[in-house]
mmCIF file of all heavy atoms, coordinates in Angstrom:
data_MODEL
# 
_entry.id   MODEL 
# 
loop_
_atom_site.group_PDB 
_atom_site.id 
_atom_site.type_symbol 
_atom_site.label_atom_id 
_atom_site.label_alt_id 
_atom_site.label_comp_id 
_atom_site.label_asym_id 
_atom_site.label_entity_id 
_atom_site.label_seq_id 
_atom_site.pdbx_PDB_ins_code 
_atom_site.Cartn_x 
_atom_site.Cartn_y 
_atom_site.Cartn_z 
_atom_site.occupancy 
_atom_site.B_iso_or_equiv 
_atom_site.pdbx_formal_charge 
_atom_site.auth_seq_id 
_atom_site.auth_comp_id 
_atom_site.auth_asym_id 
_atom_site.auth_atom_id 
_atom_site.pdbx_PDB_model_num 
ATOM 1   N N   . GLY A 1 1  ? -24.944 1.460   7.434   1.00 0.00 ? 1  GLY A N   1 
ATOM 2   C CA  . GLY A 1 1  ? -23.825 0.794   8.001   1.00 0.00 ? 1  GLY A CA  1 
ATOM 3   C C   . GLY A 1 1  ? -22.469 1.074   7.441   1.00 0.00 ? 1  GLY A C   1 
ATOM 4   O O   . GLY A 1 1  ? -22.401 1.223   6.097   1.00 0.00 ? 1  GLY A O   1 
ATOM 5   N N   . VAL A 1 2  ? -21.461 1.410   8.193   1.00 0.00 ? 2  VAL A N   1 
ATOM 6   C CA  . VAL A 1 2  ? -20.184 1.775   7.663   1.00 0.00 ? 2  VAL A CA  1 
ATOM 7   C C   . VAL A 1 2  ? -19.112 0.751   8.354   1.00 0.00 ? 2  VAL A C   1 
ATOM 8   O O   . VAL A 1 2  ? -19.069 0.752   9.570   1.00 0.00 ? 2  VAL A O   1 
ATOM 9   C CB  . VAL A 1 2  ? -19.720 3.130   7.968   1.00 0.00 ? 2  VAL A CB  1 
ATOM 10  C CG1 . VAL A 1 2  ? -18.357 3.487   7.358   1.00 0.00 ? 2  VAL A CG1 1 
ATOM 11  C CG2 . VAL A 1 2  ? -20.803 4.125   7.486   1.00 0.00 ? 2  VAL A CG2 1 
ATOM 12  N N   . PHE A 1 3  ? -18.577 -0.123  7.523   1.00 0.00 ? 3  PHE A N   1 
ATOM 13  C CA  . PHE A 1 3  ? -17.952 -1.324  8.171   1.00 0.00 ? 3  PHE A CA  1 
ATOM 14  C C   . PHE A 1 3  ? -16.330 -1.098  8.083   1.00 0.00 ? 3  PHE A C   1 
ATOM 15  O O   . PHE A 1 3  ? -15.860 -0.615  6.961   1.00 0.00 ? 3  PHE A O   1 
ATOM 16  C CB  . PHE A 1 3  ? -18.343 -2.582  7.388   1.00 0.00 ? 3  PHE A CB  1 
ATOM 17  C CG  . PHE A 1 3  ? -19.721 -2.844  7.390   1.00 0.00 ? 3  PHE A CG  1 
ATOM 18  C CD1 . PHE A 1 3  ? -20.634 -2.420  6.511   1.00 0.00 ? 3  PHE A CD1 1 
ATOM 19  C CD2 . PHE A 1 3  ? -20.314 -3.474  8.596   1.00 0.00 ? 3  PHE A CD2 1 
ATOM 20  C CE1 . PHE A 1 3  ? -21.909 -2.713  6.477   1.00 0.00 ? 3  PHE A CE1 1 
ATOM 21  C CE2 . PHE A 1 3  ? -21.705 -3.717  8.606   1.00 0.00 ? 3  PHE A CE2 1 
ATOM 22  C CZ  . PHE A 1 3  ? -22.526 -3.347  7.545   1.00 0.00 ? 3  PHE A CZ  1 
ATOM 23  N N   . TYR A 1 4  ? -15.711 -1.600  9.092   1.00 0.00 ? 4  TYR A N   1 
ATOM 24  C CA  . TYR A 1 4  ? -14.224 -1.696  9.029   1.00 0.00 ? 4  TYR A CA  1 
ATOM 25  C C   . TYR A 1 4  ? -13.896 -2.856  8.025   1.00 0.00 ? 4  TYR A C   1 
ATOM 26  O O   . TYR A 1 4  ? -14.408 -3.918  8.207   1.00 0.00 ? 4  TYR A O   1 
ATOM 27  C CB  . TYR A 1 4  ? -13.659 -1.990  10.310  1.00 0.00 ? 4  TYR A CB  1 
ATOM 28  C CG  . TYR A 1 4  ? -13.602 -0.813  11.308  1.00 0.00 ? 4  TYR A CG  1 
ATOM 29  C CD1 . TYR A 1 4  ? -14.644 -0.580  12.186  1.00 0.00 ? 4  TYR A CD1 1 
ATOM 30  C CD2 . TYR A 1 4  ? -12.562 0.116   11.202  1.00 0.00 ? 4  TYR A CD2 1 
ATOM 31  C CE1 . TYR A 1 4  ? -14.592 0.524   13.060  1.00 0.00 ? 4  TYR A CE1 1 
ATOM 32  C CE2 . TYR A 1 4  ? -12.539 1.294   11.966  1.00 0.00 ? 4  TYR A CE2 1 
ATOM 33  C CZ  . TYR A 1 4  ? -13.442 1.364   12.921  1.00 0.00 ? 4  TYR A CZ  1 
ATOM 34  O OH  . TYR A 1 4  ? -13.426 2.526   13.753  1.00 0.00 ? 4  TYR A OH  1 
ATOM 35  N N   . GLN A 1 5  ? -12.932 -2.575  7.096   1.00 0.00 ? 5  GLN A N   1 
ATOM 36  C CA  . GLN A 1 5  ? -12.489 -3.622  6.229   1.00 0.00 ? 5  GLN A CA  1 
ATOM 37  C C   . GLN A 1 5  ? -10.991 -3.744  6.406   1.00 0.00 ? 5  GLN A C   1 
ATOM 38  O O   . GLN A 1 5  ? -10.325 -2.702  6.677   1.00 0.00 ? 5  GLN A O   1 
ATOM 39  C CB  . GLN A 1 5  ? -12.804 -3.328  4.766   1.00 0.00 ? 5  GLN A CB  1 
ATOM 40  C CG  . GLN A 1 5  ? -14.415 -3.270  4.581   1.00 0.00 ? 5  GLN A CG  1 
ATOM 41  C CD  . GLN A 1 5  ? -14.742 -3.084  3.167   1.00 0.00 ? 5  GLN A CD  1 
ATOM 42  O OE1 . GLN A 1 5  ? -14.289 -3.844  2.309   1.00 0.00 ? 5  GLN A OE1 1 
ATOM 43  N NE2 . GLN A 1 5  ? -15.627 -2.232  2.831   1.00 0.00 ? 5  GLN A NE2 1 
ATOM 44  N N   . TYR A 1 6  ? -10.417 -4.967  6.152   1.00 0.00 ? 6  TYR A N   1 
ATOM 45  C CA  . TYR A 1 6  ? -9.109  -5.180  6.394   1.00 0.00 ? 6  TYR A CA  1 
ATOM 46  C C   . TYR A 1 6  ? -8.307  -5.628  5.190   1.00 0.00 ? 6  TYR A C   1 
ATOM 47  O O   . TYR A 1 6  ? -8.901  -6.250  4.328   1.00 0.00 ? 6  TYR A O   1 
ATOM 48  C CB  . TYR A 1 6  ? -8.927  -6.231  7.528   1.00 0.00 ? 6  TYR A CB  1 
ATOM 49  C CG  . TYR A 1 6  ? -9.322  -5.654  8.888   1.00 0.00 ? 6  TYR A CG  1 
ATOM 50  C CD1 . TYR A 1 6  ? -10.532 -5.662  9.348   1.00 0.00 ? 6  TYR A CD1 1 
ATOM 51  C CD2 . TYR A 1 6  ? -8.296  -4.938  9.535   1.00 0.00 ? 6  TYR A CD2 1 
ATOM 52  C CE1 . TYR A 1 6  ? -10.910 -5.064  10.629  1.00 0.00 ? 6  TYR A CE1 1 
ATOM 53  C CE2 . TYR A 1 6  ? -8.640  -4.372  10.812  1.00 0.00 ? 6  TYR A CE2 1 
ATOM 54  C CZ  . TYR A 1 6  ? -9.862  -4.408  11.243  1.00 0.00 ? 6  TYR A CZ  1 
ATOM 55  O OH  . TYR A 1 6  ? -10.223 -3.742  12.477  1.00 0.00 ? 6  TYR A OH  1 
ATOM 56  N N   . SER A 1 7  ? -7.067  -5.288  5.124   1.00 0.00 ? 7  SER A N   1 
ATOM 57  C CA  . SER A 1 7  ? -6.265  -5.602  4.048   1.00 0.00 ? 7  SER A CA  1 
ATOM 58  C C   . SER A 1 7  ? -5.994  -7.134  3.843   1.00 0.00 ? 7  SER A C   1 
ATOM 59  O O   . SER A 1 7  ? -5.782  -7.722  4.866   1.00 0.00 ? 7  SER A O   1 
ATOM 60  C CB  . SER A 1 7  ? -4.941  -4.932  4.155   1.00 0.00 ? 7  SER A CB  1 
ATOM 61  O OG  . SER A 1 7  ? -3.993  -5.410  3.081   1.00 0.00 ? 7  SER A OG  1 
ATOM 62  N N   . PRO A 1 8  ? -6.120  -7.620  2.688   1.00 0.00 ? 8  PRO A N   1 
ATOM 63  C CA  . PRO A 1 8  ? -5.884  -9.059  2.389   1.00 0.00 ? 8  PRO A CA  1 
ATOM 64  C C   . PRO A 1 8  ? -4.371  -9.414  2.324   1.00 0.00 ? 8  PRO A C   1 
ATOM 65  O O   . PRO A 1 8  ? -4.000  -10.598 2.254   1.00 0.00 ? 8  PRO A O   1 
ATOM 66  C CB  . PRO A 1 8  ? -6.654  -9.365  1.112   1.00 0.00 ? 8  PRO A CB  1 
ATOM 67  C CG  . PRO A 1 8  ? -6.554  -8.004  0.347   1.00 0.00 ? 8  PRO A CG  1 
ATOM 68  C CD  . PRO A 1 8  ? -6.667  -7.029  1.450   1.00 0.00 ? 8  PRO A CD  1 
ATOM 69  N N   . LEU A 1 9  ? -3.504  -8.358  2.279   1.00 0.00 ? 9  LEU A N   1 
ATOM 70  C CA  . LEU A 1 9  ? -2.130  -8.600  2.096   1.00 0.00 ? 9  LEU A CA  1 
ATOM 71  C C   . LEU A 1 9  ? -1.479  -9.162  3.322   1.00 0.00 ? 9  LEU A C   1 
ATOM 72  O O   . LEU A 1 9  ? -1.770  -8.730  4.445   1.00 0.00 ? 9  LEU A O   1 
ATOM 73  C CB  . LEU A 1 9  ? -1.485  -7.283  1.692   1.00 0.00 ? 9  LEU A CB  1 
ATOM 74  C CG  . LEU A 1 9  ? -1.821  -6.623  0.372   1.00 0.00 ? 9  LEU A CG  1 
ATOM 75  C CD1 . LEU A 1 9  ? -0.886  -5.428  0.079   1.00 0.00 ? 9  LEU A CD1 1 
ATOM 76  C CD2 . LEU A 1 9  ? -1.606  -7.648  -0.804  1.00 0.00 ? 9  LEU A CD2 1 
ATOM 77  N N   . THR A 1 10 ? -0.533  -10.094 3.120   1.00 0.00 ? 10 THR A N   1 
ATOM 78  C CA  . THR A 1 10 ? 0.170   -10.644 4.268   1.00 0.00 ? 10 THR A CA  1 
ATOM 79  C C   . THR A 1 10 ? 1.693   -10.512 4.037   1.00 0.00 ? 10 THR A C   1 
ATOM 80  O O   . THR A 1 10 ? 2.438   -11.146 4.654   1.00 0.00 ? 10 THR A O   1 
ATOM 81  C CB  . THR A 1 10 ? -0.157  -12.098 4.333   1.00 0.00 ? 10 THR A CB  1 
ATOM 82  O OG1 . THR A 1 10 ? 0.097   -12.850 3.034   1.00 0.00 ? 10 THR A OG1 1 
ATOM 83  C CG2 . THR A 1 10 ? -1.561  -12.365 4.727   1.00 0.00 ? 10 THR A CG2 1 
ATOM 84  N N   . VAL A 1 11 ? 2.051   -9.637  3.058   1.00 0.00 ? 11 VAL A N   1 
ATOM 85  C CA  . VAL A 1 11 ? 3.490   -9.459  2.733   1.00 0.00 ? 11 VAL A CA  1 
ATOM 86  C C   . VAL A 1 11 ? 4.128   -8.531  3.712   1.00 0.00 ? 11 VAL A C   1 
ATOM 87  O O   . VAL A 1 11 ? 3.468   -7.735  4.379   1.00 0.00 ? 11 VAL A O   1 
ATOM 88  C CB  . VAL A 1 11 ? 3.629   -8.905  1.262   1.00 0.00 ? 11 VAL A CB  1 
ATOM 89  C CG1 . VAL A 1 11 ? 3.116   -9.930  0.305   1.00 0.00 ? 11 VAL A CG1 1 
ATOM 90  C CG2 . VAL A 1 11 ? 2.963   -7.606  1.162   1.00 0.00 ? 11 VAL A CG2 1 
ATOM 91  N N   . ALA A 1 12 ? 5.427   -8.621  3.819   1.00 0.00 ? 12 ALA A N   1 
ATOM 92  C CA  . ALA A 1 12 ? 6.159   -7.685  4.691   1.00 0.00 ? 12 ALA A CA  1 
ATOM 93  C C   . ALA A 1 12 ? 6.290   -6.256  4.032   1.00 0.00 ? 12 ALA A C   1 
ATOM 94  O O   . ALA A 1 12 ? 6.125   -6.152  2.858   1.00 0.00 ? 12 ALA A O   1 
ATOM 95  C CB  . ALA A 1 12 ? 7.669   -8.210  4.899   1.00 0.00 ? 12 ALA A CB  1 
ATOM 96  N N   . THR A 1 13 ? 6.478   -5.298  4.872   1.00 0.00 ? 13 THR A N   1 
ATOM 97  C CA  . THR A 1 13 ? 6.518   -3.946  4.272   1.00 0.00 ? 13 THR A CA  1 
ATOM 98  C C   . THR A 1 13 ? 7.782   -3.721  3.383   1.00 0.00 ? 13 THR A C   1 
ATOM 99  O O   . THR A 1 13 ? 8.834   -4.226  3.731   1.00 0.00 ? 13 THR A O   1 
ATOM 100 C CB  . THR A 1 13 ? 6.541   -2.900  5.391   1.00 0.00 ? 13 THR A CB  1 
ATOM 101 O OG1 . THR A 1 13 ? 6.542   -1.540  4.798   1.00 0.00 ? 13 THR A OG1 1 
ATOM 102 C CG2 . THR A 1 13 ? 7.564   -3.079  6.404   1.00 0.00 ? 13 THR A CG2 1 
ATOM 103 N N   . SER A 1 14 ? 7.528   -2.862  2.371   1.00 0.00 ? 14 SER A N   1 
ATOM 104 C CA  . SER A 1 14 ? 8.696   -2.487  1.588   1.00 0.00 ? 14 SER A CA  1 
ATOM 105 C C   . SER A 1 14 ? 9.321   -1.137  2.043   1.00 0.00 ? 14 SER A C   1 
ATOM 106 O O   . SER A 1 14 ? 10.175  -0.610  1.304   1.00 0.00 ? 14 SER A O   1 
ATOM 107 C CB  . SER A 1 14 ? 8.275   -2.402  0.152   1.00 0.00 ? 14 SER A CB  1 
ATOM 108 O OG  . SER A 1 14 ? 7.782   -3.617  -0.378  1.00 0.00 ? 14 SER A OG  1 
ATOM 109 N N   . GLY A 1 15 ? 8.867   -0.719  3.182   1.00 0.00 ? 15 GLY A N   1 
ATOM 110 C CA  . GLY A 1 15 ? 9.413   0.528   3.694   1.00 0.00 ? 15 GLY A CA  1 
ATOM 111 C C   . GLY A 1 15 ? 8.681   1.713   3.267   1.00 0.00 ? 15 GLY A C   1 
ATOM 112 O O   . GLY A 1 15 ? 7.551   1.658   2.629   1.00 0.00 ? 15 GLY A O   1 
ATOM 113 N N   . ALA A 1 16 ? 9.157   2.908   3.345   1.00 0.00 ? 16 ALA A N   1 
ATOM 114 C CA  . ALA A 1 16 ? 8.520   4.119   2.945   1.00 0.00 ? 16 ALA A CA  1 
ATOM 115 C C   . ALA A 1 16 ? 8.686   4.353   1.463   1.00 0.00 ? 16 ALA A C   1 
ATOM 116 O O   . ALA A 1 16 ? 9.813   4.127   0.890   1.00 0.00 ? 16 ALA A O   1 
ATOM 117 C CB  . ALA A 1 16 ? 9.080   5.314   3.755   1.00 0.00 ? 16 ALA A CB  1 
ATOM 118 N N   . LEU A 1 17 ? 7.650   4.811   0.839   1.00 0.00 ? 17 LEU A N   1 
ATOM 119 C CA  . LEU A 1 17 ? 7.688   5.179   -0.613  1.00 0.00 ? 17 LEU A CA  1 
ATOM 120 C C   . LEU A 1 17 ? 7.666   6.688   -0.683  1.00 0.00 ? 17 LEU A C   1 
ATOM 121 O O   . LEU A 1 17 ? 6.679   7.210   -0.418  1.00 0.00 ? 17 LEU A O   1 
ATOM 122 C CB  . LEU A 1 17 ? 6.614   4.458   -1.342  1.00 0.00 ? 17 LEU A CB  1 
ATOM 123 C CG  . LEU A 1 17 ? 6.450   4.915   -2.894  1.00 0.00 ? 17 LEU A CG  1 
ATOM 124 C CD1 . LEU A 1 17 ? 7.732   4.451   -3.596  1.00 0.00 ? 17 LEU A CD1 1 
ATOM 125 C CD2 . LEU A 1 17 ? 5.220   4.286   -3.531  1.00 0.00 ? 17 LEU A CD2 1 
ATOM 126 N N   . SER A 1 18 ? 8.734   7.235   -1.185  1.00 0.00 ? 18 SER A N   1 
ATOM 127 C CA  . SER A 1 18 ? 8.788   8.705   -1.548  1.00 0.00 ? 18 SER A CA  1 
ATOM 128 C C   . SER A 1 18 ? 9.003   8.904   -3.003  1.00 0.00 ? 18 SER A C   1 
ATOM 129 O O   . SER A 1 18 ? 9.900   8.427   -3.597  1.00 0.00 ? 18 SER A O   1 
ATOM 130 C CB  . SER A 1 18 ? 9.980   9.337   -0.838  1.00 0.00 ? 18 SER A CB  1 
ATOM 131 O OG  . SER A 1 18 ? 10.040  10.749  -0.935  1.00 0.00 ? 18 SER A OG  1 
ATOM 132 N N   . VAL A 1 19 ? 7.951   9.422   -3.618  1.00 0.00 ? 19 VAL A N   1 
ATOM 133 C CA  . VAL A 1 19 ? 7.884   9.544   -5.120  1.00 0.00 ? 19 VAL A CA  1 
ATOM 134 C C   . VAL A 1 19 ? 8.508   10.735  -5.485  1.00 0.00 ? 19 VAL A C   1 
ATOM 135 O O   . VAL A 1 19 ? 8.150   11.902  -5.156  1.00 0.00 ? 19 VAL A O   1 
ATOM 136 C CB  . VAL A 1 19 ? 6.464   9.286   -5.642  1.00 0.00 ? 19 VAL A CB  1 
ATOM 137 C CG1 . VAL A 1 19 ? 6.334   9.504   -7.081  1.00 0.00 ? 19 VAL A CG1 1 
ATOM 138 C CG2 . VAL A 1 19 ? 5.873   8.121   -5.147  1.00 0.00 ? 19 VAL A CG2 1 
ATOM 139 N N   . THR A 1 20 ? 9.588   10.704  -6.492  1.00 0.00 ? 20 THR A N   1 
ATOM 140 C CA  . THR A 1 20 ? 10.034  11.785  -7.160  1.00 0.00 ? 20 THR A CA  1 
ATOM 141 C C   . THR A 1 20 ? 10.095  11.381  -8.694  1.00 0.00 ? 20 THR A C   1 
ATOM 142 O O   . THR A 1 20 ? 10.333  10.303  -8.999  1.00 0.00 ? 20 THR A O   1 
ATOM 143 C CB  . THR A 1 20 ? 11.494  12.181  -6.777  1.00 0.00 ? 20 THR A CB  1 
ATOM 144 O OG1 . THR A 1 20 ? 12.358  10.993  -7.023  1.00 0.00 ? 20 THR A OG1 1 
ATOM 145 C CG2 . THR A 1 20 ? 11.565  12.530  -5.295  1.00 0.00 ? 20 THR A CG2 1 
ATOM 146 N N   . GLY A 1 21 ? 9.686   12.318  -9.588  1.00 0.00 ? 21 GLY A N   1 
ATOM 147 C CA  . GLY A 1 21 ? 9.584   11.896  -10.939 1.00 0.00 ? 21 GLY A CA  1 
ATOM 148 C C   . GLY A 1 21 ? 8.305   11.075  -11.108 1.00 0.00 ? 21 GLY A C   1 
ATOM 149 O O   . GLY A 1 21 ? 7.280   11.255  -10.540 1.00 0.00 ? 21 GLY A O   1 
ATOM 150 N N   . THR A 1 22 ? 8.439   9.992   -11.768 1.00 0.00 ? 22 THR A N   1 
ATOM 151 C CA  . THR A 1 22 ? 7.370   9.037   -12.073 1.00 0.00 ? 22 THR A CA  1 
ATOM 152 C C   . THR A 1 22 ? 7.689   7.570   -11.441 1.00 0.00 ? 22 THR A C   1 
ATOM 153 O O   . THR A 1 22 ? 8.823   7.102   -11.769 1.00 0.00 ? 22 THR A O   1 
ATOM 154 C CB  . THR A 1 22 ? 7.062   8.820   -13.535 1.00 0.00 ? 22 THR A CB  1 
ATOM 155 O OG1 . THR A 1 22 ? 6.636   10.098  -14.060 1.00 0.00 ? 22 THR A OG1 1 
ATOM 156 C CG2 . THR A 1 22 ? 5.979   7.796   -13.676 1.00 0.00 ? 22 THR A CG2 1 
ATOM 157 N N   . THR A 1 23 ? 6.876   7.111   -10.571 1.00 0.00 ? 23 THR A N   1 
ATOM 158 C CA  . THR A 1 23 ? 6.980   5.756   -9.966  1.00 0.00 ? 23 THR A CA  1 
ATOM 159 C C   . THR A 1 23 ? 5.736   4.928   -10.292 1.00 0.00 ? 23 THR A C   1 
ATOM 160 O O   . THR A 1 23 ? 4.597   5.374   -10.232 1.00 0.00 ? 23 THR A O   1 
ATOM 161 C CB  . THR A 1 23 ? 7.161   5.808   -8.531  1.00 0.00 ? 23 THR A CB  1 
ATOM 162 O OG1 . THR A 1 23 ? 8.381   6.520   -8.161  1.00 0.00 ? 23 THR A OG1 1 
ATOM 163 C CG2 . THR A 1 23 ? 7.224   4.475   -7.860  1.00 0.00 ? 23 THR A CG2 1 
ATOM 164 N N   . THR A 1 24 ? 5.958   3.709   -10.799 1.00 0.00 ? 24 THR A N   1 
ATOM 165 C CA  . THR A 1 24 ? 4.820   2.869   -11.100 1.00 0.00 ? 24 THR A CA  1 
ATOM 166 C C   . THR A 1 24 ? 4.722   1.725   -10.193 1.00 0.00 ? 24 THR A C   1 
ATOM 167 O O   . THR A 1 24 ? 5.798   1.028   -9.875  1.00 0.00 ? 24 THR A O   1 
ATOM 168 C CB  . THR A 1 24 ? 4.970   2.297   -12.553 1.00 0.00 ? 24 THR A CB  1 
ATOM 169 O OG1 . THR A 1 24 ? 5.022   3.385   -13.473 1.00 0.00 ? 24 THR A OG1 1 
ATOM 170 C CG2 . THR A 1 24 ? 3.810   1.463   -12.914 1.00 0.00 ? 24 THR A CG2 1 
ATOM 171 N N   . ILE A 1 25 ? 3.512   1.434   -9.652  1.00 0.00 ? 25 ILE A N   1 
ATOM 172 C CA  . ILE A 1 25 ? 3.243   0.238   -8.828  1.00 0.00 ? 25 ILE A CA  1 
ATOM 173 C C   . ILE A 1 25 ? 2.572   -0.772  -9.709  1.00 0.00 ? 25 ILE A C   1 
ATOM 174 O O   . ILE A 1 25 ? 1.404   -0.452  -10.197 1.00 0.00 ? 25 ILE A O   1 
ATOM 175 C CB  . ILE A 1 25 ? 2.390   0.569   -7.667  1.00 0.00 ? 25 ILE A CB  1 
ATOM 176 C CG1 . ILE A 1 25 ? 3.125   1.578   -6.683  1.00 0.00 ? 25 ILE A CG1 1 
ATOM 177 C CG2 . ILE A 1 25 ? 1.926   -0.678  -6.974  1.00 0.00 ? 25 ILE A CG2 1 
ATOM 178 C CD1 . ILE A 1 25 ? 2.319   1.994   -5.476  1.00 0.00 ? 25 ILE A CD1 1 
ATOM 179 N N   . SER A 1 26 ? 3.179   -1.919  -9.961  1.00 0.00 ? 26 SER A N   1 
ATOM 180 C CA  . SER A 1 26 ? 2.706   -2.922  -10.865 1.00 0.00 ? 26 SER A CA  1 
ATOM 181 C C   . SER A 1 26 ? 2.491   -4.212  -10.188 1.00 0.00 ? 26 SER A C   1 
ATOM 182 O O   . SER A 1 26 ? 2.373   -5.310  -10.770 1.00 0.00 ? 26 SER A O   1 
ATOM 183 C CB  . SER A 1 26 ? 3.650   -3.106  -12.088 1.00 0.00 ? 26 SER A CB  1 
ATOM 184 O OG  . SER A 1 26 ? 4.947   -3.387  -11.701 1.00 0.00 ? 26 SER A OG  1 
# 
């Protein structure tokens, strides 16, 4: 069985993330 799973997040999008240098997601 391979199941579809869904994101628990309900927050609005922060837009596109384009990483240059170092970016930390905390």
